[in-house]
Amino acid sequence: MTSPSPASAATVRNVLTLLASRDAQLVAGSEGLERRVTWALRMRARLPAFESIRGGELALLSLTQLRRLDETLPHLLQTLHREGIAAVAVAAPSIESLGSEAEAVANRLHLPLIYLPASAPLEEIVREVITFVASFRSEIERRATEVAQQLMQLSVQGVGIQGLCEHLARVTGKWVVVQDADYSPRWQVAPPSVLPEGMLPSSLPPLQDEDALRQEGLARVVVPILIRHEIVGYLSLVGREQTFDYQERLLLGQVSPILALEFVRERERSEVESRYQLEAFLDVVQGNYQQPEEMQTRARLLGHDLTPPQVVVVFELSPQQGTPLAGTIAAGWSRRVREELLRSWPSAWVVTEQQRVTALLPLGDLRTSGSDSRSDHELEQALLSRLERVHSRILQSTNFLKGESASAGGSRSAARHESDPLYSVGVGRIAQQIQGIGQSMREAQQALEIGRRLFGEGRLHSFARLGIYRLLFHLYGHEELTAFYRETLGPLLEHDSRGGELIETLECFFRCNGNLSEAARAMHMHRNSLLYRLERIEELLGQSLEDSELRLSLQIALKIRYMLQER
């Protein structure tokens, strides 16, 4: 079917042709001849002169009857124009009797004013016009049904929503837009390029921006797409306002159920694919396979190459979330995380759950920099830098504020609003082969658990950066850990409880790798004052800080102290 002509419904021009046999003549308002005529109404003998005006009607009246109602034609034309009347036909003794003021008003309003002889049978003309308009409507309904049948056949052939939209754009000559329930555009198809140049813009403004549509001279007709009374999307036609008529509205009503079937099919297909993806993903990260080659082939069929080095990353909402998140907020968070990961790793394997997002990130593009192969340490640094950028973008998109740098295994902290999603990230070590992915998964989960306990929520926790905390964490709560801590640092803790600063001095000394001048500058004190404090530490401990075994014990005890403190 070719694109319909603008006269796919009866226009004032068509009706004027019909009334030619009644000696009708156009007096004014010629610029409104393409207005659609939907019905015909005759003026009553009492006020209100016209009842049940819905817009698009041809209003018929006699000048004699109008004067009996003590009404003027210019005033009536303005009133009927506001009500949406398509045209006005007046039976009068002569054209001159209509008056120049009425002609001027009709021209200004672009409202066709038609002259009929005084003897014209208005009731009979009303019936003729209604019959004429109804014949146009019957043709429109036939065409709409024909298009709907074509679309149903295409649906059966499996062209999908894209194919249906392309056909609908072709037969209507309008933009076709399908949106999700949240108004996000999913499919947007322009009409054929064979349309007259300038009829429609090459791109559309946002559909919710009515002012922008009006500025482009566009109108939009939209219907919901329903599945069992649930709105799953919206179907819109966008075109020039004067080209819309009864056909588009009727057609959309018939096409919407066809698209609903496609939405059902897509949802079922997506659920099946998601189930297969999840099952295969779990088998990879849990090591549930016999032969690595078979698992690689299975992953490849699902669109994932496990040949390059991989790393597992886990994003998880905080179980200590101050305010429970609504399902839509949690879903929006997981969708945002997925989008950002795929933005940085287009071939990532990402699985989303209600409270967490787990991803298998391929590092093939990070393995080399230019022509030089990167070391494992450099590869890890590049990975974490890219994850930091992902993390920052997610924080920004959820109204987080950047905080200060965290120590040890944690990345930047984040100030936040109570309603913002609070989450943390665990990063496993790099798996060079598929067999190491399971270990990377366990490490990502441990990094998440340990990092949260030691450094708090809202941060990026790398297993590789946790260092000795990986060992100490699993001794947390054991009596031996607390006993070692108190035996090693006991004298210093007792001294500082009376107002000393020896623990802080020792931490700074180790942080500066034993460099006295650097440590003195960091603590804003004279070098001799620092030496005095270190001598006091040795005196209390009964050992020299030159003893390597003592240094190791003290540094471990300081790590335990940090771990035992309330974060």
Protein backbone atom coordinates (compact mmCIF):
# COMPACT_ATOMS: atom_id res chain seq x y z
CA MET A 1 0.00 0.00 0.00
CA THR A 2 1.31 3.45 -0.89
CA SER A 3 1.27 6.40 1.48
CA PRO A 4 -2.25 7.79 1.87
CA SER A 5 -3.02 11.16 0.39
CA PRO A 6 -3.83 13.99 2.78
CA ALA A 7 -7.49 13.61 1.76
CA SER A 8 -7.89 10.22 3.39
CA ALA A 9 -10.95 11.70 5.12
CA ALA A 10 -13.61 14.07 3.76
CA THR A 11 -12.44 17.68 3.59
CA VAL A 12 -14.28 20.95 3.24
CA ARG A 13 -13.13 20.99 -0.38
CA ASN A 14 -14.79 17.58 -0.96
CA VAL A 15 -18.01 18.74 0.68
CA LEU A 16 -18.01 21.94 -1.36
CA THR A 17 -17.83 19.83 -4.53
CA LEU A 18 -20.77 17.76 -3.26
CA LEU A 19 -22.79 20.93 -2.66
CA ALA A 20 -22.07 22.35 -6.09
CA SER A 21 -25.36 20.88 -7.30
CA ARG A 22 -27.04 23.03 -4.63
CA ASP A 23 -25.45 26.19 -6.10
CA ALA A 24 -23.11 26.48 -3.13
CA GLN A 25 -20.27 29.02 -3.35
CA LEU A 26 -17.20 29.62 -1.19
CA VAL A 27 -17.38 33.18 0.13
CA ALA A 28 -14.34 33.35 2.43
CA GLY A 29 -11.84 31.25 4.41
CA SER A 30 -10.27 29.47 1.43
CA GLU A 31 -7.15 28.61 3.45
CA GLY A 32 -9.25 26.17 5.51
CA LEU A 33 -10.48 24.04 2.60
CA GLU A 34 -8.34 21.06 3.69
CA ARG A 35 -9.99 20.87 7.10
CA ARG A 36 -11.48 17.46 7.90
CA VAL A 37 -15.27 17.21 8.02
CA THR A 38 -16.49 14.57 10.46
CA TRP A 39 -20.23 15.32 10.62
CA ALA A 40 -22.95 17.88 9.78
CA LEU A 41 -25.15 19.90 12.15
CA ARG A 42 -28.12 22.20 11.53
CA MET A 43 -28.80 25.23 13.67
CA ARG A 44 -31.72 24.90 16.11
CA ALA A 45 -34.57 27.38 16.45
CA ARG A 46 -33.56 28.18 20.05
CA LEU A 47 -30.35 28.75 22.01
CA PRO A 48 -27.90 27.15 22.19
CA ALA A 49 -27.95 27.22 18.42
CA PHE A 50 -25.80 24.08 18.08
CA GLU A 51 -25.58 21.10 20.41
CA SER A 52 -23.01 18.32 20.87
CA ILE A 53 -20.19 19.93 18.89
CA ARG A 54 -17.15 17.64 19.00
CA GLY A 55 -15.06 19.34 16.36
CA GLY A 56 -14.83 18.89 12.61
CA GLU A 57 -18.53 19.43 11.85
CA LEU A 58 -20.07 21.37 8.96
CA ALA A 59 -22.53 23.86 10.52
CA LEU A 60 -25.60 24.74 8.40
CA LEU A 61 -27.97 27.62 9.18
CA SER A 62 -30.22 30.21 7.56
CA LEU A 63 -29.63 33.91 7.89
CA THR A 64 -33.31 34.49 8.67
CA GLN A 65 -33.24 32.00 11.56
CA LEU A 66 -30.04 33.55 12.88
CA ARG A 67 -31.66 36.97 13.10
CA ARG A 68 -34.62 35.53 15.00
CA LEU A 69 -32.14 34.38 17.68
CA ASP A 70 -30.83 37.95 17.90
CA GLU A 71 -27.36 36.71 16.92
CA THR A 72 -24.91 38.15 14.37
CA LEU A 73 -23.02 36.08 11.82
CA PRO A 74 -19.54 37.50 12.68
CA HIS A 75 -20.01 36.67 16.38
CA LEU A 76 -21.35 33.18 15.58
CA LEU A 77 -18.36 32.46 13.31
CA GLN A 78 -15.95 33.29 16.12
CA THR A 79 -17.89 31.11 18.59
CA LEU A 80 -18.05 28.14 16.20
CA HIS A 81 -14.35 28.48 15.38
CA ARG A 82 -13.49 28.15 19.07
CA GLU A 83 -15.64 25.01 19.23
CA GLY A 84 -13.66 23.43 16.37
CA ILE A 85 -16.27 23.64 13.60
CA ALA A 86 -14.72 22.78 10.19
CA ALA A 87 -16.87 25.10 8.04
CA VAL A 88 -20.08 27.13 8.08
CA ALA A 89 -22.74 27.09 5.31
CA VAL A 90 -25.36 29.86 5.39
CA ALA A 91 -28.60 29.96 3.41
CA ALA A 92 -29.23 33.61 2.50
CA PRO A 93 -30.94 35.76 -0.13
CA SER A 94 -27.57 36.74 -1.63
CA ILE A 95 -23.86 36.62 -0.98
CA GLU A 96 -23.91 40.33 -0.19
CA SER A 97 -26.43 39.72 2.58
CA LEU A 98 -23.80 37.79 4.54
CA GLY A 99 -21.96 41.06 5.09
CA SER A 100 -18.36 42.15 4.62
CA GLU A 101 -17.62 41.85 8.36
CA ALA A 102 -18.50 38.13 8.32
CA GLU A 103 -16.24 37.63 5.30
CA ALA A 104 -13.37 39.38 7.07
CA VAL A 105 -13.78 37.26 10.21
CA ALA A 106 -13.90 34.02 8.16
CA ASN A 107 -10.74 34.95 6.26
CA ARG A 108 -8.93 35.90 9.47
CA LEU A 109 -9.88 32.59 11.13
CA HIS A 110 -9.26 30.54 7.97
CA LEU A 111 -12.79 29.25 8.51
CA PRO A 112 -14.54 28.37 5.21
CA LEU A 113 -17.77 30.36 4.84
CA ILE A 114 -20.14 28.83 2.24
CA TYR A 115 -23.12 30.56 0.66
CA LEU A 116 -26.31 28.57 -0.09
CA PRO A 117 -29.44 29.92 -1.77
CA ALA A 118 -32.19 30.89 0.67
CA SER A 119 -34.37 28.07 -0.68
CA ALA A 120 -31.76 25.38 -0.03
CA PRO A 121 -33.26 22.39 1.91
CA LEU A 122 -30.89 22.40 4.91
CA GLU A 123 -32.25 19.22 6.53
CA GLU A 124 -31.78 17.31 3.30
CA ILE A 125 -28.26 18.74 2.85
CA VAL A 126 -27.37 17.63 6.40
CA ARG A 127 -28.32 14.05 5.51
CA GLU A 128 -26.35 14.21 2.26
CA VAL A 129 -23.21 15.46 3.98
CA ILE A 130 -23.45 12.87 6.77
CA THR A 131 -23.84 10.08 4.20
CA PHE A 132 -20.92 11.48 2.21
CA VAL A 133 -18.67 11.69 5.32
CA ALA A 134 -19.70 8.21 6.43
CA SER A 135 -18.66 6.78 3.07
CA PHE A 136 -15.20 8.27 3.58
CA ARG A 137 -15.07 6.79 7.10
CA SER A 138 -16.05 3.35 5.79
CA GLU A 139 -13.21 3.53 3.31
CA ILE A 140 -10.83 4.58 6.07
CA GLU A 141 -11.93 1.67 8.28
CA ARG A 142 -11.43 -0.70 5.34
CA ARG A 143 -7.91 0.65 4.79
CA ALA A 144 -7.07 0.48 8.50
CA THR A 145 -8.25 -3.13 8.65
CA GLU A 146 -6.22 -3.94 5.54
CA VAL A 147 -3.05 -2.44 7.08
CA ALA A 148 -3.68 -4.29 10.37
CA GLN A 149 -4.02 -7.58 8.47
CA GLN A 150 -0.76 -6.88 6.65
CA LEU A 151 0.98 -6.22 9.96
CA MET A 152 -0.44 -9.41 11.47
CA GLN A 153 0.91 -11.41 8.52
CA LEU A 154 4.32 -9.78 8.94
CA SER A 155 4.22 -10.60 12.66
CA VAL A 156 3.53 -14.26 11.86
CA GLN A 157 6.47 -14.19 9.44
CA GLY A 158 8.71 -13.08 12.32
CA VAL A 159 9.82 -9.64 11.14
CA GLY A 160 9.77 -8.42 14.75
CA ILE A 161 8.87 -5.02 16.13
CA GLN A 162 11.41 -3.26 13.91
CA GLY A 163 9.86 -4.74 10.75
CA LEU A 164 6.34 -3.84 11.87
CA CYS A 165 7.38 -0.25 12.57
CA GLU A 166 9.04 0.07 9.18
CA HIS A 167 5.86 -1.10 7.42
CA LEU A 168 3.67 1.20 9.52
CA ALA A 169 5.92 4.19 8.71
CA ARG A 170 5.71 3.32 5.03
CA VAL A 171 1.90 3.13 4.84
CA THR A 172 1.21 6.18 7.02
CA GLY A 173 4.04 8.44 5.87
CA LYS A 174 4.76 9.33 9.49
CA TRP A 175 7.41 8.71 12.12
CA VAL A 176 6.71 5.57 14.16
CA VAL A 177 8.08 5.43 17.72
CA VAL A 178 7.77 2.57 20.23
CA GLN A 179 8.68 3.31 23.85
CA ASP A 180 9.04 1.22 27.00
CA ALA A 181 6.66 1.67 29.91
CA ASP A 182 9.10 4.25 31.34
CA TYR A 183 8.96 6.20 28.04
CA SER A 184 12.47 5.18 26.96
CA PRO A 185 12.56 4.92 23.12
CA ARG A 186 13.12 1.36 21.90
CA TRP A 187 12.33 1.64 18.18
CA GLN A 188 12.14 4.78 16.07
CA VAL A 189 11.50 4.56 12.32
CA ALA A 190 11.36 7.45 9.88
CA PRO A 191 8.95 7.50 6.92
CA PRO A 192 10.35 6.66 3.46
CA SER A 193 12.81 9.10 1.96
CA VAL A 194 10.56 9.36 -1.14
CA LEU A 195 8.26 11.72 0.76
CA PRO A 196 8.30 15.34 -0.46
CA GLU A 197 11.35 17.18 0.85
CA GLY A 198 10.63 19.11 4.02
CA MET A 199 7.40 17.25 4.82
CA LEU A 200 8.96 15.84 8.02
CA PRO A 201 12.25 16.57 9.84
CA SER A 202 15.11 14.08 9.58
CA SER A 203 15.14 13.67 13.38
CA LEU A 204 12.59 14.10 16.13
CA PRO A 205 12.70 16.18 19.32
CA PRO A 206 11.87 14.33 22.58
CA LEU A 207 8.26 13.14 22.38
CA GLN A 208 7.46 14.43 25.88
CA ASP A 209 8.53 17.95 24.85
CA GLU A 210 5.25 19.21 23.39
CA ASP A 211 6.61 22.71 22.84
CA ALA A 212 9.50 21.36 20.75
CA LEU A 213 7.07 19.28 18.68
CA ARG A 214 4.87 22.32 18.08
CA GLN A 215 7.85 24.42 17.07
CA GLU A 216 8.61 21.82 14.41
CA GLY A 217 4.98 21.94 13.29
CA LEU A 218 4.45 18.35 14.44
CA ALA A 219 1.63 16.52 16.17
CA ARG A 220 1.67 13.17 17.95
CA VAL A 221 -0.95 10.47 18.37
CA VAL A 222 -0.13 7.84 21.01
CA VAL A 223 -1.77 4.68 22.38
CA PRO A 224 -0.61 2.37 25.20
CA ILE A 225 0.56 -1.17 24.51
CA LEU A 226 -1.14 -3.45 27.03
CA ILE A 227 -0.47 -7.01 28.22
CA ARG A 228 -3.19 -8.20 30.61
CA HIS A 229 -4.04 -4.62 31.64
CA GLU A 230 -0.36 -3.84 32.26
CA ILE A 231 1.13 -1.00 30.22
CA VAL A 232 4.36 -2.36 28.74
CA GLY A 233 4.97 0.41 26.22
CA TYR A 234 3.59 3.15 24.00
CA LEU A 235 3.09 3.39 20.23
CA SER A 236 3.22 6.84 18.64
CA LEU A 237 2.76 8.33 15.19
CA VAL A 238 4.37 11.73 14.62
CA GLY A 239 3.64 13.92 11.61
CA ARG A 240 2.35 17.24 10.41
CA GLU A 241 -0.77 18.20 12.35
CA GLN A 242 -2.90 18.75 9.26
CA THR A 243 -2.19 15.21 7.99
CA PHE A 244 -3.77 13.44 10.97
CA ASP A 245 -7.33 12.17 10.74
CA TYR A 246 -9.61 9.38 11.85
CA GLN A 247 -7.53 6.76 10.03
CA GLU A 248 -4.41 7.16 12.20
CA ARG A 249 -6.33 6.87 15.46
CA LEU A 250 -8.28 3.87 14.23
CA LEU A 251 -5.14 2.21 12.88
CA LEU A 252 -3.18 2.66 16.12
CA GLY A 253 -5.98 0.98 18.04
CA GLN A 254 -5.71 -2.07 15.77
CA VAL A 255 -1.90 -2.17 15.68
CA SER A 256 -1.38 -1.89 19.45
CA PRO A 257 -2.54 -5.50 20.21
CA ILE A 258 -0.22 -6.82 17.47
CA LEU A 259 2.72 -5.06 19.09
CA ALA A 260 1.61 -6.41 22.47
CA LEU A 261 2.06 -9.94 21.05
CA GLU A 262 5.56 -8.99 19.92
CA PHE A 263 6.34 -7.65 23.41
CA VAL A 264 5.20 -10.98 24.89
CA ARG A 265 7.43 -12.89 22.49
CA GLU A 266 10.38 -10.63 23.20
CA ARG A 267 9.86 -10.94 26.95
CA GLU A 268 9.70 -14.75 26.75
CA ARG A 269 12.74 -14.86 24.47
CA SER A 270 14.64 -12.54 26.81
CA GLU A 271 13.73 -14.66 29.84
CA VAL A 272 14.94 -17.85 28.13
CA GLU A 273 18.17 -16.18 26.99
CA SER A 274 18.73 -14.73 30.47
CA ARG A 275 18.25 -18.15 32.04
CA TYR A 276 20.78 -19.74 29.67
CA GLN A 277 23.20 -16.86 30.23
CA LEU A 278 22.87 -17.12 34.03
CA GLU A 279 23.30 -20.91 34.07
CA ALA A 280 26.41 -20.73 31.88
CA PHE A 281 27.83 -17.81 33.88
CA LEU A 282 27.41 -19.66 37.17
CA ASP A 283 29.05 -22.76 35.70
CA VAL A 284 32.07 -20.65 34.66
CA VAL A 285 32.56 -18.78 37.95
CA GLN A 286 31.85 -21.88 40.07
CA GLY A 287 33.94 -24.24 37.94
CA ASN A 288 30.99 -26.54 37.18
CA TYR A 289 32.40 -28.13 34.02
CA GLN A 290 34.51 -31.13 33.07
CA GLN A 291 36.52 -29.85 30.11
CA PRO A 292 37.62 -26.17 29.83
CA GLU A 293 37.36 -26.40 26.03
CA GLU A 294 33.69 -27.37 26.22
CA MET A 295 32.95 -24.47 28.56
CA GLN A 296 34.77 -22.04 26.27
CA THR A 297 32.71 -23.28 23.31
CA ARG A 298 29.48 -22.92 25.30
CA ALA A 299 30.41 -19.36 26.32
CA ARG A 300 31.35 -18.50 22.74
CA LEU A 301 27.90 -19.60 21.53
CA LEU A 302 26.43 -17.11 24.01
CA GLY A 303 28.67 -14.35 22.64
CA HIS A 304 31.53 -14.41 25.17
CA ASP A 305 35.21 -15.13 24.51
CA LEU A 306 37.00 -16.54 27.59
CA THR A 307 40.39 -16.76 25.88
CA PRO A 308 41.81 -13.39 27.10
CA PRO A 309 42.63 -12.86 30.80
CA GLN A 310 39.46 -12.32 32.84
CA VAL A 311 38.61 -10.78 36.18
CA VAL A 312 35.45 -11.08 38.28
CA VAL A 313 33.89 -7.92 39.72
CA VAL A 314 30.93 -7.85 42.12
CA PHE A 315 28.81 -4.72 42.72
CA GLU A 316 26.47 -5.20 45.68
CA LEU A 317 23.98 -2.96 47.45
CA SER A 318 24.72 -2.53 51.14
CA PRO A 319 22.80 -4.79 53.53
CA GLN A 320 23.05 -1.89 56.01
CA GLN A 321 21.17 0.45 53.63
CA GLY A 322 19.68 3.12 55.89
CA THR A 323 16.44 3.35 53.92
CA PRO A 324 15.20 0.21 52.13
CA LEU A 325 15.32 0.81 48.39
CA ALA A 326 12.16 0.51 46.32
CA GLY A 327 12.30 -2.17 43.66
CA THR A 328 12.35 0.41 40.88
CA ILE A 329 15.32 2.24 42.44
CA ALA A 330 17.28 -0.99 42.90
CA ALA A 331 16.45 -2.00 39.33
CA GLY A 332 17.56 1.41 38.08
CA TRP A 333 20.82 1.08 39.99
CA SER A 334 21.59 -2.38 38.56
CA ARG A 335 20.72 -1.16 35.05
CA ARG A 336 23.05 1.82 35.48
CA VAL A 337 25.89 -0.43 36.68
CA ARG A 338 25.37 -2.75 33.72
CA GLU A 339 25.36 0.15 31.25
CA GLU A 340 28.58 1.62 32.65
CA LEU A 341 30.38 -1.74 32.65
CA LEU A 342 29.39 -2.41 29.04
CA ARG A 343 30.43 1.10 28.13
CA SER A 344 33.99 0.37 29.31
CA TRP A 345 33.97 -3.35 28.44
CA PRO A 346 31.59 -3.88 25.46
CA SER A 347 32.25 -7.64 25.50
CA ALA A 348 31.81 -8.05 29.29
CA TRP A 349 29.62 -10.85 30.60
CA VAL A 350 27.26 -9.13 33.05
CA VAL A 351 24.61 -10.81 35.19
CA THR A 352 22.18 -8.74 37.26
CA GLU A 353 20.29 -9.84 40.36
CA GLN A 354 18.01 -7.93 42.71
CA GLN A 355 20.76 -6.60 44.98
CA ARG A 356 23.96 -7.24 43.04
CA VAL A 357 25.62 -7.15 39.64
CA THR A 358 28.36 -9.66 38.85
CA ALA A 359 30.60 -9.19 35.82
CA LEU A 360 33.32 -11.15 34.07
CA LEU A 361 35.58 -8.55 32.44
CA PRO A 362 37.89 -9.54 29.55
CA LEU A 363 41.23 -7.74 29.68
CA GLY A 364 42.45 -8.35 26.14
CA ASP A 365 42.55 -4.65 25.28
CA LEU A 366 44.39 -3.86 28.54
CA ARG A 367 47.04 -6.53 28.07
CA THR A 368 49.00 -4.46 25.58
CA SER A 369 49.80 -0.77 25.53
CA GLY A 370 51.02 0.22 22.09
CA SER A 371 53.47 -2.44 21.09
CA ASP A 372 54.72 -3.22 24.62
CA SER A 373 53.21 -6.06 26.60
CA ARG A 374 52.18 -5.03 30.09
CA SER A 375 53.34 -6.80 33.24
CA ASP A 376 50.76 -8.35 35.56
CA HIS A 377 51.15 -5.41 37.96
CA GLU A 378 50.64 -2.87 35.17
CA LEU A 379 47.64 -4.82 33.89
CA GLU A 380 46.11 -4.79 37.37
CA GLN A 381 46.73 -1.04 37.71
CA ALA A 382 45.07 -0.38 34.33
CA LEU A 383 42.10 -2.54 35.33
CA LEU A 384 41.59 -0.75 38.65
CA SER A 385 41.95 2.69 37.02
CA ARG A 386 39.22 1.87 34.53
CA LEU A 387 37.00 0.46 37.29
CA GLU A 388 37.55 3.64 39.30
CA ARG A 389 36.18 5.65 36.37
CA VAL A 390 33.18 3.32 36.11
CA HIS A 391 32.61 3.65 39.86
CA SER A 392 32.83 7.45 39.68
CA ARG A 393 30.32 7.69 36.85
CA ILE A 394 27.86 5.51 38.74
CA LEU A 395 28.30 7.65 41.86
CA GLN A 396 27.72 10.82 39.87
CA SER A 397 24.62 9.40 38.20
CA THR A 398 23.09 8.53 41.60
CA ASN A 399 23.85 11.93 43.19
CA PHE A 400 26.81 10.72 45.23
CA LEU A 401 29.44 13.27 46.21
CA LYS A 402 33.13 12.46 45.96
CA GLY A 403 34.87 11.96 49.28
CA GLU A 404 38.44 11.59 50.47
CA SER A 405 40.77 8.78 49.47
CA ALA A 406 40.52 5.60 51.47
CA SER A 407 43.51 3.75 52.81
CA ALA A 408 44.72 0.25 51.97
CA GLY A 409 42.18 -1.70 49.89
CA GLY A 410 39.41 0.90 49.59
CA SER A 411 38.93 3.51 46.89
CA ARG A 412 37.34 6.93 47.39
CA SER A 413 34.56 7.23 49.91
CA ALA A 414 31.31 8.97 49.05
CA ALA A 415 29.03 11.36 50.88
CA ARG A 416 25.47 10.62 49.94
CA HIS A 417 21.81 11.31 50.46
CA GLU A 418 19.92 8.76 52.51
CA SER A 419 17.77 7.84 49.52
CA ASP A 420 20.77 7.16 47.24
CA PRO A 421 21.79 3.54 46.60
CA LEU A 422 24.74 2.64 48.85
CA TYR A 423 26.90 -0.11 47.41
CA SER A 424 30.41 -1.53 47.39
CA VAL A 425 32.56 -3.26 44.78
CA GLY A 426 34.71 -6.37 45.18
CA VAL A 427 37.44 -7.09 42.61
CA GLY A 428 39.14 -10.47 42.26
CA ARG A 429 42.62 -11.04 40.90
CA ILE A 430 43.22 -11.56 37.20
CA ALA A 431 42.63 -15.09 35.86
CA GLN A 432 44.99 -15.81 32.99
CA GLN A 433 43.02 -18.93 31.99
CA ILE A 434 39.43 -20.10 32.32
CA GLN A 435 40.39 -22.44 35.17
CA GLY A 436 41.32 -19.42 37.33
CA ILE A 437 37.97 -17.63 36.98
CA GLY A 438 36.42 -19.53 39.88
CA GLN A 439 39.26 -18.37 42.13
CA SER A 440 38.79 -14.79 40.93
CA MET A 441 35.10 -15.04 41.85
CA ARG A 442 35.91 -16.21 45.39
CA GLU A 443 38.45 -13.42 45.74
CA ALA A 444 35.97 -10.77 44.58
CA GLN A 445 33.49 -11.95 47.22
CA GLN A 446 36.19 -11.98 49.91
CA ALA A 447 37.37 -8.50 48.87
CA LEU A 448 33.79 -7.28 49.22
CA GLU A 449 33.39 -8.83 52.66
CA ILE A 450 36.79 -7.78 54.01
CA GLY A 451 36.75 -4.32 52.44
CA ARG A 452 33.31 -3.53 53.86
CA ARG A 453 34.37 -4.53 57.36
CA LEU A 454 37.67 -2.67 57.32
CA PHE A 455 37.08 0.37 55.12
CA GLY A 456 33.31 0.81 54.96
CA GLU A 457 30.67 0.95 52.24
CA GLY A 458 30.61 2.93 49.02
CA ARG A 459 34.11 1.96 47.89
CA LEU A 460 36.06 -0.19 45.47
CA HIS A 461 37.82 -3.07 47.25
CA SER A 462 40.54 -4.97 45.38
CA PHE A 463 41.61 -8.38 46.69
CA ALA A 464 45.13 -7.78 45.38
CA ARG A 465 45.42 -4.55 47.37
CA LEU A 466 44.20 -5.96 50.69
CA GLY A 467 47.63 -7.39 51.43
CA ILE A 468 48.02 -8.96 54.88
CA TYR A 469 44.44 -8.04 55.76
CA ARG A 470 43.42 -11.10 53.70
CA LEU A 471 45.05 -13.27 56.36
CA LEU A 472 44.20 -11.25 59.45
CA PHE A 473 40.53 -10.94 58.56
CA HIS A 474 39.94 -14.66 58.91
CA LEU A 475 41.46 -14.55 62.42
CA TYR A 476 39.10 -11.76 63.47
CA GLY A 477 37.37 -12.70 66.70
CA HIS A 478 39.99 -15.31 67.65
CA GLU A 479 41.52 -14.92 71.08
CA GLU A 480 45.04 -15.49 69.70
CA LEU A 481 44.74 -12.40 67.48
CA THR A 482 43.79 -10.12 70.38
CA ALA A 483 46.44 -11.69 72.61
CA PHE A 484 49.18 -11.11 69.99
CA TYR A 485 48.03 -7.51 69.58
CA ARG A 486 48.14 -6.74 73.29
CA GLU A 487 51.43 -8.57 73.90
CA THR A 488 53.14 -6.68 71.09
CA LEU A 489 51.77 -3.18 71.65
CA GLY A 490 50.69 -3.44 75.31
CA PRO A 491 53.32 -1.12 76.84
CA LEU A 492 52.74 1.52 74.17
CA LEU A 493 48.95 1.30 74.53
CA GLU A 494 49.26 1.73 78.31
CA HIS A 495 51.58 4.74 77.86
CA ASP A 496 49.28 6.42 75.34
CA SER A 497 46.26 5.86 77.55
CA ARG A 498 47.82 8.50 79.83
CA GLY A 499 48.07 11.05 77.00
CA GLY A 500 51.04 9.89 74.93
CA GLU A 501 51.42 9.67 71.13
CA LEU A 502 53.85 6.78 70.74
CA ILE A 503 51.50 4.59 68.64
CA GLU A 504 50.96 7.45 66.17
CA THR A 505 54.73 8.04 66.06
CA LEU A 506 55.42 4.37 65.35
CA GLU A 507 52.80 4.26 62.56
CA CYS A 508 54.32 7.33 60.89
CA PHE A 509 57.84 5.89 61.25
CA PHE A 510 56.83 2.69 59.44
CA ARG A 511 54.79 4.61 56.87
CA CYS A 512 57.94 6.55 55.96
CA ASN A 513 59.93 3.29 55.70
CA GLY A 514 62.14 4.24 58.66
CA ASN A 515 63.29 7.54 57.13
CA LEU A 516 63.75 9.81 60.17
CA SER A 517 63.82 13.12 58.31
CA GLU A 518 60.71 12.30 56.29
CA ALA A 519 58.85 11.06 59.38
CA ALA A 520 59.79 14.23 61.33
CA ARG A 521 58.45 16.43 58.54
CA ALA A 522 55.24 14.38 58.35
CA MET A 523 54.68 14.79 62.09
CA HIS A 524 55.74 18.48 62.09
CA MET A 525 58.40 17.98 64.76
CA HIS A 526 62.15 18.34 65.13
CA ARG A 527 64.25 15.31 64.20
CA ASN A 528 65.70 15.15 67.72
CA SER A 529 62.17 15.07 69.19
CA LEU A 530 61.35 12.12 66.93
CA LEU A 531 64.55 10.33 68.03
CA TYR A 532 63.57 10.85 71.65
CA ARG A 533 60.15 9.28 71.04
CA LEU A 534 61.66 6.28 69.21
CA GLU A 535 64.11 5.76 72.05
CA ARG A 536 61.20 5.87 74.49
CA ILE A 537 59.41 3.21 72.40
CA GLU A 538 62.48 0.96 72.50
CA GLU A 539 62.76 1.50 76.26
CA LEU A 540 59.12 0.48 76.84
CA LEU A 541 59.34 -2.54 74.53
CA GLY A 542 62.77 -3.61 75.83
CA GLN A 543 64.02 -4.18 72.27
CA SER A 544 65.67 -2.26 69.48
CA LEU A 545 63.65 -1.15 66.46
CA GLU A 546 66.59 -2.35 64.36
CA ASP A 547 65.41 -5.91 65.09
CA SER A 548 63.67 -7.08 61.90
CA GLU A 549 61.49 -9.59 63.74
CA LEU A 550 60.28 -6.86 66.11
CA ARG A 551 59.52 -4.55 63.20
CA LEU A 552 57.45 -7.25 61.51
CA SER A 553 55.52 -8.00 64.72
CA LEU A 554 54.87 -4.32 65.36
CA GLN A 555 53.60 -3.68 61.81
CA ILE A 556 51.26 -6.69 62.01
CA ALA A 557 50.01 -5.52 65.42
CA LEU A 558 49.31 -2.06 64.00
CA LYS A 559 47.28 -3.65 61.18
CA ILE A 560 45.32 -5.62 63.80
CA ARG A 561 44.73 -2.39 65.72
CA TYR A 562 43.23 -0.78 62.63
CA MET A 563 41.06 -3.85 62.04
CA LEU A 564 39.80 -3.93 65.66
CA GLN A 565 38.80 -0.28 65.64
CA GLU A 566 35.19 0.57 64.83
CA ARG A 567 35.18 1.82 61.25
